[in-house]
N, C-alpha and C. Protein backbone atom coordinates (compact mmCIF):
# COMPACT_ATOMS: atom_id res chain seq x y z
N MET A 1 2.96 35.20 32.99
CA MET A 1 2.25 35.54 31.77
C MET A 1 2.91 34.91 30.54
N ASP A 2 4.09 34.34 30.70
CA ASP A 2 4.71 33.69 29.55
C ASP A 2 3.89 32.51 29.06
N TYR A 3 3.21 31.84 29.98
CA TYR A 3 2.42 30.67 29.56
C TYR A 3 1.25 31.09 28.68
N VAL A 4 0.70 32.28 28.90
CA VAL A 4 -0.40 32.76 28.06
C VAL A 4 0.10 33.01 26.64
N SER A 5 1.23 33.66 26.52
CA SER A 5 1.76 33.93 25.18
C SER A 5 2.24 32.64 24.50
N ALA A 6 2.59 31.65 25.29
CA ALA A 6 3.01 30.37 24.72
C ALA A 6 1.81 29.54 24.26
N LEU A 7 0.69 29.66 24.94
CA LEU A 7 -0.48 28.86 24.60
C LEU A 7 -1.41 29.52 23.59
N LEU A 8 -1.34 30.82 23.46
CA LEU A 8 -2.27 31.53 22.60
C LEU A 8 -2.21 31.09 21.12
N PRO A 9 -1.04 31.04 20.49
CA PRO A 9 -1.02 30.63 19.08
C PRO A 9 -1.61 29.24 18.82
N PRO A 10 -1.25 28.21 19.62
CA PRO A 10 -1.85 26.90 19.35
C PRO A 10 -3.37 26.89 19.56
N VAL A 11 -3.85 27.63 20.54
CA VAL A 11 -5.29 27.68 20.78
C VAL A 11 -6.00 28.36 19.62
N VAL A 12 -5.44 29.46 19.14
CA VAL A 12 -6.04 30.16 18.01
C VAL A 12 -6.04 29.26 16.78
N MET A 13 -4.95 28.58 16.53
CA MET A 13 -4.87 27.67 15.39
C MET A 13 -5.88 26.53 15.52
N ALA A 14 -6.05 26.00 16.72
CA ALA A 14 -7.00 24.92 16.93
C ALA A 14 -8.43 25.39 16.67
N VAL A 15 -8.77 26.57 17.14
CA VAL A 15 -10.11 27.11 16.91
C VAL A 15 -10.33 27.32 15.41
N PHE A 16 -9.35 27.88 14.74
CA PHE A 16 -9.47 28.09 13.30
C PHE A 16 -9.62 26.76 12.56
N PHE A 17 -8.84 25.76 12.95
CA PHE A 17 -8.90 24.44 12.32
C PHE A 17 -10.27 23.81 12.51
N VAL A 18 -10.83 23.90 13.70
CA VAL A 18 -12.16 23.35 13.96
C VAL A 18 -13.19 24.08 13.09
N GLY A 19 -13.05 25.38 12.94
CA GLY A 19 -13.96 26.13 12.08
C GLY A 19 -13.88 25.69 10.63
N VAL A 20 -12.68 25.48 10.14
CA VAL A 20 -12.50 25.04 8.76
C VAL A 20 -13.13 23.66 8.56
N ILE A 21 -12.90 22.76 9.49
CA ILE A 21 -13.47 21.41 9.39
C ILE A 21 -15.00 21.48 9.40
N ARG A 22 -15.57 22.34 10.25
CA ARG A 22 -17.04 22.47 10.30
C ARG A 22 -17.58 22.97 8.97
N VAL A 23 -16.90 23.94 8.35
CA VAL A 23 -17.35 24.45 7.06
C VAL A 23 -17.27 23.36 6.00
N ILE A 24 -16.19 22.60 6.00
CA ILE A 24 -16.04 21.52 5.02
C ILE A 24 -17.14 20.49 5.19
N VAL A 25 -17.43 20.09 6.42
CA VAL A 25 -18.45 19.08 6.67
C VAL A 25 -19.82 19.61 6.28
N LYS A 26 -20.11 20.86 6.59
CA LYS A 26 -21.43 21.42 6.28
C LYS A 26 -21.66 21.56 4.78
N THR A 27 -20.61 21.79 4.01
CA THR A 27 -20.79 22.01 2.58
C THR A 27 -20.76 20.71 1.77
N GLN A 28 -20.57 19.59 2.42
CA GLN A 28 -20.59 18.31 1.71
C GLN A 28 -22.03 17.88 1.48
N GLY A 29 -22.31 17.46 0.28
CA GLY A 29 -23.65 16.97 -0.02
C GLY A 29 -24.67 18.09 -0.11
N GLY A 30 -25.93 17.71 -0.06
CA GLY A 30 -27.00 18.70 -0.08
C GLY A 30 -27.19 19.33 -1.44
N ALA A 31 -27.77 20.51 -1.44
CA ALA A 31 -28.09 21.20 -2.69
C ALA A 31 -26.83 21.63 -3.44
N ASN A 32 -25.75 21.91 -2.72
CA ASN A 32 -24.53 22.37 -3.38
C ASN A 32 -23.79 21.25 -4.10
N LYS A 33 -24.05 20.00 -3.73
CA LYS A 33 -23.31 18.89 -4.31
C LYS A 33 -23.51 18.82 -5.82
N ALA A 34 -24.73 18.98 -6.28
CA ALA A 34 -24.99 18.91 -7.72
C ALA A 34 -24.27 20.03 -8.46
N LYS A 35 -24.27 21.23 -7.91
CA LYS A 35 -23.58 22.35 -8.57
C LYS A 35 -22.07 22.12 -8.59
N GLU A 36 -21.53 21.62 -7.49
CA GLU A 36 -20.09 21.38 -7.44
C GLU A 36 -19.70 20.27 -8.41
N ASP A 37 -20.50 19.20 -8.46
CA ASP A 37 -20.22 18.10 -9.38
C ASP A 37 -20.30 18.58 -10.83
N ALA A 38 -21.27 19.42 -11.13
CA ALA A 38 -21.40 19.94 -12.49
C ALA A 38 -20.21 20.82 -12.86
N ALA A 39 -19.75 21.62 -11.91
CA ALA A 39 -18.60 22.48 -12.18
C ALA A 39 -17.34 21.65 -12.44
N VAL A 40 -17.15 20.60 -11.66
CA VAL A 40 -15.99 19.72 -11.85
C VAL A 40 -16.09 19.00 -13.18
N ASP A 41 -17.28 18.50 -13.51
CA ASP A 41 -17.45 17.81 -14.79
C ASP A 41 -17.18 18.74 -15.97
N ALA A 42 -17.63 19.99 -15.86
CA ALA A 42 -17.39 20.96 -16.93
C ALA A 42 -15.90 21.26 -17.08
N ALA A 43 -15.21 21.39 -15.96
CA ALA A 43 -13.77 21.67 -16.00
C ALA A 43 -13.02 20.48 -16.61
N LEU A 44 -13.40 19.29 -16.22
CA LEU A 44 -12.74 18.10 -16.79
C LEU A 44 -13.02 17.98 -18.28
N ALA A 45 -14.23 18.31 -18.70
CA ALA A 45 -14.56 18.27 -20.13
C ALA A 45 -13.73 19.27 -20.91
N ARG A 46 -13.54 20.48 -20.35
CA ARG A 46 -12.71 21.49 -21.03
C ARG A 46 -11.27 21.00 -21.17
N VAL A 47 -10.74 20.39 -20.11
CA VAL A 47 -9.36 19.88 -20.16
C VAL A 47 -9.26 18.78 -21.21
N GLU A 48 -10.24 17.89 -21.23
CA GLU A 48 -10.21 16.79 -22.19
C GLU A 48 -10.31 17.32 -23.62
N ASN A 49 -11.16 18.31 -23.87
CA ASN A 49 -11.27 18.89 -25.21
C ASN A 49 -9.97 19.57 -25.61
N THR A 50 -9.32 20.24 -24.68
CA THR A 50 -8.05 20.89 -24.96
C THR A 50 -6.99 19.85 -25.32
N ARG A 51 -6.96 18.76 -24.58
CA ARG A 51 -5.98 17.69 -24.87
C ARG A 51 -6.22 17.09 -26.25
N GLN A 52 -7.49 16.84 -26.57
CA GLN A 52 -7.80 16.24 -27.87
C GLN A 52 -7.46 17.20 -28.99
N ALA A 53 -7.71 18.48 -28.79
CA ALA A 53 -7.40 19.47 -29.83
C ALA A 53 -5.90 19.58 -30.03
N SER A 54 -5.12 19.56 -28.93
CA SER A 54 -3.68 19.66 -29.09
C SER A 54 -3.09 18.38 -29.68
N ALA A 55 -3.69 17.24 -29.35
CA ALA A 55 -3.22 15.98 -29.92
C ALA A 55 -3.52 15.92 -31.42
N ALA A 56 -4.67 16.45 -31.82
CA ALA A 56 -5.03 16.47 -33.25
C ALA A 56 -4.13 17.45 -34.00
N GLY A 57 -3.75 18.52 -33.36
CA GLY A 57 -2.88 19.49 -34.00
C GLY A 57 -1.45 18.98 -34.14
N ASP A 58 -1.02 18.10 -33.24
CA ASP A 58 0.32 17.54 -33.29
C ASP A 58 0.45 16.47 -34.37
N ALA A 59 -0.64 15.84 -34.72
CA ALA A 59 -0.59 14.71 -35.65
C ALA A 59 -0.49 15.14 -37.08
């Protein structure tokens, strides 16, 4: 029975890893892509505005 306890953790990790990869692949593109791109663009715009405001305040 030692072999079962030795193999169980890698098998569980492999199953979990395959599940994570499937979720990542399924969520790429499609209807969610536009929402995700918009969220990233909004976050980048906020960071850029913060940088410009702090640069203007330093000058």
